N, C-alpha and C. Protein backbone atom coordinates (compact mmCIF):
# COMPACT_ATOMS: atom_id res chain seq x y z
N MET A 1 124.55 77.80 65.71
CA MET A 1 123.83 77.36 66.87
C MET A 1 124.31 78.10 68.13
N GLY A 2 125.59 78.35 68.27
CA GLY A 2 126.13 78.96 69.48
C GLY A 2 125.63 80.37 69.72
N PHE A 3 125.57 81.18 68.65
CA PHE A 3 125.13 82.56 68.83
C PHE A 3 123.62 82.66 69.03
N LYS A 4 122.86 81.73 68.49
CA LYS A 4 121.41 81.75 68.70
C LYS A 4 121.06 81.56 70.17
N ILE A 5 121.82 80.72 70.84
CA ILE A 5 121.56 80.47 72.26
C ILE A 5 121.86 81.73 73.07
N LEU A 6 122.94 82.44 72.74
CA LEU A 6 123.28 83.65 73.48
C LEU A 6 122.31 84.78 73.23
N LEU A 7 121.64 84.78 72.09
CA LEU A 7 120.72 85.86 71.76
C LEU A 7 119.32 85.65 72.31
N GLN A 8 119.06 84.51 72.91
CA GLN A 8 117.75 84.30 73.53
C GLN A 8 117.61 85.24 74.73
N GLU A 9 116.37 85.58 75.03
CA GLU A 9 116.13 86.61 76.04
C GLU A 9 116.69 86.26 77.42
N GLN A 10 116.59 85.01 77.82
CA GLN A 10 117.08 84.64 79.15
C GLN A 10 118.61 84.63 79.22
N ASN A 11 119.29 84.66 78.07
CA ASN A 11 120.76 84.62 78.05
C ASN A 11 121.40 85.95 77.67
N ARG A 12 120.61 86.99 77.47
CA ARG A 12 121.17 88.27 77.01
C ARG A 12 122.11 88.89 78.03
N ASP A 13 121.80 88.81 79.30
CA ASP A 13 122.70 89.37 80.31
C ASP A 13 124.04 88.65 80.32
N THR A 14 123.99 87.34 80.20
CA THR A 14 125.23 86.56 80.15
C THR A 14 126.02 86.87 78.89
N ALA A 15 125.35 87.02 77.77
CA ALA A 15 126.03 87.35 76.52
C ALA A 15 126.66 88.73 76.60
N ARG A 16 125.98 89.68 77.22
CA ARG A 16 126.53 91.02 77.37
C ARG A 16 127.78 90.99 78.25
N LYS A 17 127.69 90.25 79.35
CA LYS A 17 128.83 90.13 80.26
C LYS A 17 130.02 89.46 79.57
N LEU A 18 129.74 88.41 78.79
CA LEU A 18 130.80 87.72 78.06
C LEU A 18 131.42 88.63 77.00
N GLY A 19 130.60 89.41 76.32
CA GLY A 19 131.12 90.34 75.31
C GLY A 19 132.00 91.42 75.91
N ILE A 20 131.58 91.94 77.05
CA ILE A 20 132.40 92.96 77.72
C ILE A 20 133.72 92.37 78.18
N ALA A 21 133.68 91.17 78.75
CA ALA A 21 134.91 90.54 79.21
C ALA A 21 135.83 90.22 78.04
N THR A 22 135.26 89.78 76.92
CA THR A 22 136.08 89.48 75.75
C THR A 22 136.73 90.75 75.20
N GLY A 23 135.97 91.82 75.14
CA GLY A 23 136.53 93.10 74.68
C GLY A 23 137.64 93.59 75.59
N CYS A 24 137.43 93.46 76.90
CA CYS A 24 138.46 93.87 77.85
C CYS A 24 139.70 92.99 77.75
N MET A 25 139.50 91.69 77.53
CA MET A 25 140.65 90.78 77.39
C MET A 25 141.47 91.11 76.16
N PHE A 26 140.83 91.66 75.14
CA PHE A 26 141.55 91.99 73.92
C PHE A 26 142.22 93.35 74.01
N THR A 27 141.56 94.34 74.58
CA THR A 27 142.09 95.70 74.52
C THR A 27 142.95 96.10 75.72
N LEU A 28 142.53 95.76 76.93
CA LEU A 28 143.24 96.26 78.11
C LEU A 28 144.70 95.82 78.20
N PRO A 29 145.04 94.56 77.92
CA PRO A 29 146.47 94.21 77.98
C PRO A 29 147.33 94.99 76.98
N PHE A 30 146.81 95.26 75.78
CA PHE A 30 147.56 96.07 74.82
C PHE A 30 147.75 97.50 75.33
N ILE A 31 146.69 98.07 75.86
CA ILE A 31 146.78 99.44 76.37
C ILE A 31 147.78 99.51 77.52
N VAL A 32 147.69 98.56 78.44
CA VAL A 32 148.60 98.56 79.60
C VAL A 32 150.04 98.33 79.14
N PHE A 33 150.22 97.43 78.17
CA PHE A 33 151.58 97.17 77.68
C PHE A 33 152.22 98.44 77.13
N TYR A 34 151.53 99.11 76.21
CA TYR A 34 152.12 100.30 75.59
C TYR A 34 152.22 101.47 76.56
N PHE A 35 151.27 101.60 77.46
CA PHE A 35 151.35 102.67 78.45
C PHE A 35 152.57 102.45 79.36
N CYS A 36 152.73 101.22 79.83
CA CYS A 36 153.88 100.92 80.68
C CYS A 36 155.19 101.02 79.90
N PHE A 37 155.19 100.61 78.65
CA PHE A 37 156.41 100.63 77.84
C PHE A 37 156.93 102.05 77.64
N TYR A 38 156.01 102.99 77.36
CA TYR A 38 156.44 104.35 77.04
C TYR A 38 156.45 105.31 78.22
N PHE A 39 155.67 105.02 79.28
CA PHE A 39 155.56 105.99 80.36
C PHE A 39 156.04 105.48 81.72
N ILE A 40 155.79 104.25 82.05
CA ILE A 40 156.10 103.76 83.40
C ILE A 40 157.52 103.20 83.48
N PHE A 41 157.84 102.26 82.59
CA PHE A 41 159.12 101.55 82.67
C PHE A 41 160.13 102.01 81.62
N HIS A 42 160.02 103.21 81.13
CA HIS A 42 160.91 103.66 80.05
C HIS A 42 162.36 103.82 80.48
N GLU A 43 162.63 103.89 81.78
CA GLU A 43 164.00 104.03 82.25
C GLU A 43 164.65 102.70 82.63
N LYS A 44 163.91 101.62 82.63
CA LYS A 44 164.47 100.32 83.00
C LYS A 44 165.18 99.70 81.80
N ARG A 45 166.02 98.68 82.07
CA ARG A 45 166.79 98.04 81.00
C ARG A 45 165.91 97.19 80.10
N GLU A 46 165.03 96.40 80.66
CA GLU A 46 164.16 95.50 79.90
C GLU A 46 162.72 96.02 79.95
N THR A 47 162.45 97.06 79.21
CA THR A 47 161.12 97.67 79.27
C THR A 47 160.04 96.73 78.73
N ALA A 48 160.37 95.95 77.71
CA ALA A 48 159.37 95.05 77.13
C ALA A 48 158.98 93.94 78.12
N ALA A 49 159.95 93.44 78.87
CA ALA A 49 159.64 92.40 79.84
C ALA A 49 158.76 92.93 80.96
N TRP A 50 159.09 94.10 81.50
CA TRP A 50 158.27 94.68 82.55
C TRP A 50 156.87 95.03 82.04
N SER A 51 156.80 95.56 80.86
CA SER A 51 155.50 95.92 80.29
C SER A 51 154.67 94.67 79.99
N GLY A 52 155.33 93.63 79.51
CA GLY A 52 154.63 92.37 79.26
C GLY A 52 154.09 91.76 80.55
N GLY A 53 154.86 91.86 81.60
CA GLY A 53 154.38 91.38 82.90
C GLY A 53 153.16 92.15 83.38
N ALA A 54 153.18 93.45 83.17
CA ALA A 54 152.02 94.26 83.55
C ALA A 54 150.79 93.89 82.71
N ALA A 55 151.00 93.57 81.43
CA ALA A 55 149.89 93.15 80.57
C ALA A 55 149.33 91.80 81.01
N VAL A 56 150.19 90.90 81.42
CA VAL A 56 149.74 89.59 81.91
C VAL A 56 148.93 89.75 83.20
N VAL A 57 149.39 90.60 84.09
CA VAL A 57 148.64 90.86 85.32
C VAL A 57 147.27 91.45 85.00
N THR A 58 147.23 92.35 84.02
CA THR A 58 145.95 92.94 83.61
C THR A 58 145.00 91.89 83.06
N ALA A 59 145.51 90.99 82.22
CA ALA A 59 144.66 89.92 81.67
C ALA A 59 144.13 89.03 82.79
N ASN A 60 144.97 88.71 83.77
CA ASN A 60 144.52 87.89 84.89
C ASN A 60 143.48 88.61 85.74
N LEU A 61 143.60 89.92 85.89
CA LEU A 61 142.60 90.67 86.63
C LEU A 61 141.25 90.69 85.90
N VAL A 62 141.29 90.77 84.58
CA VAL A 62 140.04 90.73 83.81
C VAL A 62 139.38 89.36 83.97
N ILE A 63 140.17 88.29 83.90
CA ILE A 63 139.62 86.94 84.08
C ILE A 63 139.03 86.79 85.48
N ALA A 64 139.74 87.25 86.49
CA ALA A 64 139.24 87.15 87.87
C ALA A 64 137.96 87.94 88.04
N GLY A 65 137.90 89.11 87.44
CA GLY A 65 136.68 89.92 87.52
C GLY A 65 135.50 89.24 86.86
N TYR A 66 135.74 88.60 85.72
CA TYR A 66 134.66 87.89 85.03
C TYR A 66 134.18 86.69 85.86
N VAL A 67 135.10 85.96 86.43
CA VAL A 67 134.73 84.78 87.23
C VAL A 67 133.95 85.21 88.47
N ILE A 68 134.39 86.26 89.14
CA ILE A 68 133.69 86.74 90.33
C ILE A 68 132.29 87.22 89.97
N SER A 69 132.16 87.95 88.86
CA SER A 69 130.84 88.43 88.47
C SER A 69 129.94 87.28 88.02
N ALA A 70 130.51 86.25 87.42
CA ALA A 70 129.70 85.11 86.99
C ALA A 70 129.19 84.32 88.20
N PHE A 71 130.03 84.16 89.21
CA PHE A 71 129.59 83.42 90.39
C PHE A 71 128.68 84.23 91.30
N SER A 72 128.66 85.54 91.15
CA SER A 72 127.79 86.36 91.99
C SER A 72 126.41 86.54 91.39
N GLU A 73 126.16 85.96 90.21
CA GLU A 73 124.83 86.04 89.61
C GLU A 73 123.84 85.24 90.46
N GLU A 74 122.60 85.67 90.40
CA GLU A 74 121.55 84.96 91.11
C GLU A 74 121.18 83.71 90.33
N ASP A 75 121.00 82.62 91.01
CA ASP A 75 120.67 81.36 90.37
C ASP A 75 119.16 81.24 90.26
N GLU A 76 118.65 81.19 89.04
CA GLU A 76 117.21 81.14 88.82
C GLU A 76 116.61 79.81 89.28
N PHE A 77 117.37 78.73 89.18
CA PHE A 77 116.86 77.42 89.57
C PHE A 77 116.55 77.37 91.06
N ASP A 78 117.41 77.92 91.89
CA ASP A 78 117.16 77.94 93.32
C ASP A 78 115.95 78.80 93.65
N ASN A 79 115.76 79.91 92.93
CA ASN A 79 114.61 80.77 93.17
C ASN A 79 113.31 80.06 92.81
N GLN A 80 113.31 79.26 91.76
CA GLN A 80 112.11 78.53 91.37
C GLN A 80 111.74 77.50 92.43
N ILE A 81 112.71 76.83 92.98
CA ILE A 81 112.43 75.80 93.98
C ILE A 81 111.94 76.43 95.28
N GLU A 82 112.50 77.56 95.67
CA GLU A 82 112.05 78.21 96.89
C GLU A 82 110.62 78.72 96.75
N ASP A 83 110.22 79.12 95.54
CA ASP A 83 108.88 79.64 95.32
C ASP A 83 107.83 78.54 95.22
N SER A 84 108.24 77.34 94.88
CA SER A 84 107.28 76.26 94.68
C SER A 84 107.06 75.50 95.98
N ASN A 85 105.99 74.70 95.98
CA ASN A 85 105.68 73.91 97.17
C ASN A 85 106.43 72.59 97.19
N THR A 86 106.51 71.92 96.04
CA THR A 86 107.12 70.59 96.02
C THR A 86 108.60 70.63 95.73
N GLY A 87 109.05 71.54 94.91
CA GLY A 87 110.47 71.65 94.59
C GLY A 87 110.95 70.69 93.53
N ASP A 88 110.03 70.03 92.82
CA ASP A 88 110.44 69.05 91.82
C ASP A 88 110.17 69.50 90.39
N GLU A 89 109.93 70.77 90.15
CA GLU A 89 109.64 71.24 88.80
C GLU A 89 110.83 71.06 87.86
N GLY A 90 112.03 71.23 88.37
CA GLY A 90 113.23 71.09 87.55
C GLY A 90 113.75 69.68 87.52
N GLY A 91 113.05 68.74 88.11
CA GLY A 91 113.52 67.36 88.21
C GLY A 91 114.10 67.12 89.58
N PRO A 92 114.31 65.87 89.92
CA PRO A 92 114.85 65.58 91.25
C PRO A 92 116.30 66.02 91.37
N ARG A 93 116.68 66.42 92.54
CA ARG A 93 118.07 66.82 92.78
C ARG A 93 118.90 65.58 93.07
N VAL A 94 120.10 65.59 92.54
CA VAL A 94 120.99 64.45 92.74
C VAL A 94 122.35 64.96 93.17
N GLY A 95 123.13 64.07 93.72
CA GLY A 95 124.51 64.40 94.08
C GLY A 95 124.60 65.42 95.19
N ALA A 96 125.43 66.45 94.97
CA ALA A 96 125.65 67.47 95.98
C ALA A 96 124.43 68.35 96.20
N PHE A 97 123.50 68.37 95.25
CA PHE A 97 122.31 69.21 95.36
C PHE A 97 121.14 68.52 96.03
N LYS A 98 121.30 67.26 96.34
CA LYS A 98 120.22 66.49 96.94
C LYS A 98 120.00 66.91 98.39
N ARG A 99 118.73 67.04 98.76
CA ARG A 99 118.40 67.41 100.14
C ARG A 99 117.85 66.19 100.86
N ARG A 100 118.29 66.01 102.08
CA ARG A 100 117.80 64.89 102.89
C ARG A 100 116.41 65.22 103.41
N THR A 101 115.54 64.23 103.41
CA THR A 101 114.18 64.44 103.91
C THR A 101 113.88 63.65 105.16
N ASP A 102 114.82 62.90 105.67
CA ASP A 102 114.54 62.08 106.85
C ASP A 102 114.90 62.79 108.13
């Protein structure tokens, strides 16, 4: 069920973004770890600790990049309401999304 939802046409961009982020989360920390281990921190006493720290920073940067790109997506629900006259096609807004009419 999970993969069928991601393969639907309206979710393909999100699935592509998630796949890229997952691939980066798997590969980039390993690449950074070994690059730092053999080339950057090879003269330090604890090369594995320094390289591991660089890999952790890389993983956090990938997560931050994914979150920023996810929040910068255009919201289709808001576009539908702005285009319509009544604004109730998606159901009434509640909570923080509710608009005052008085």
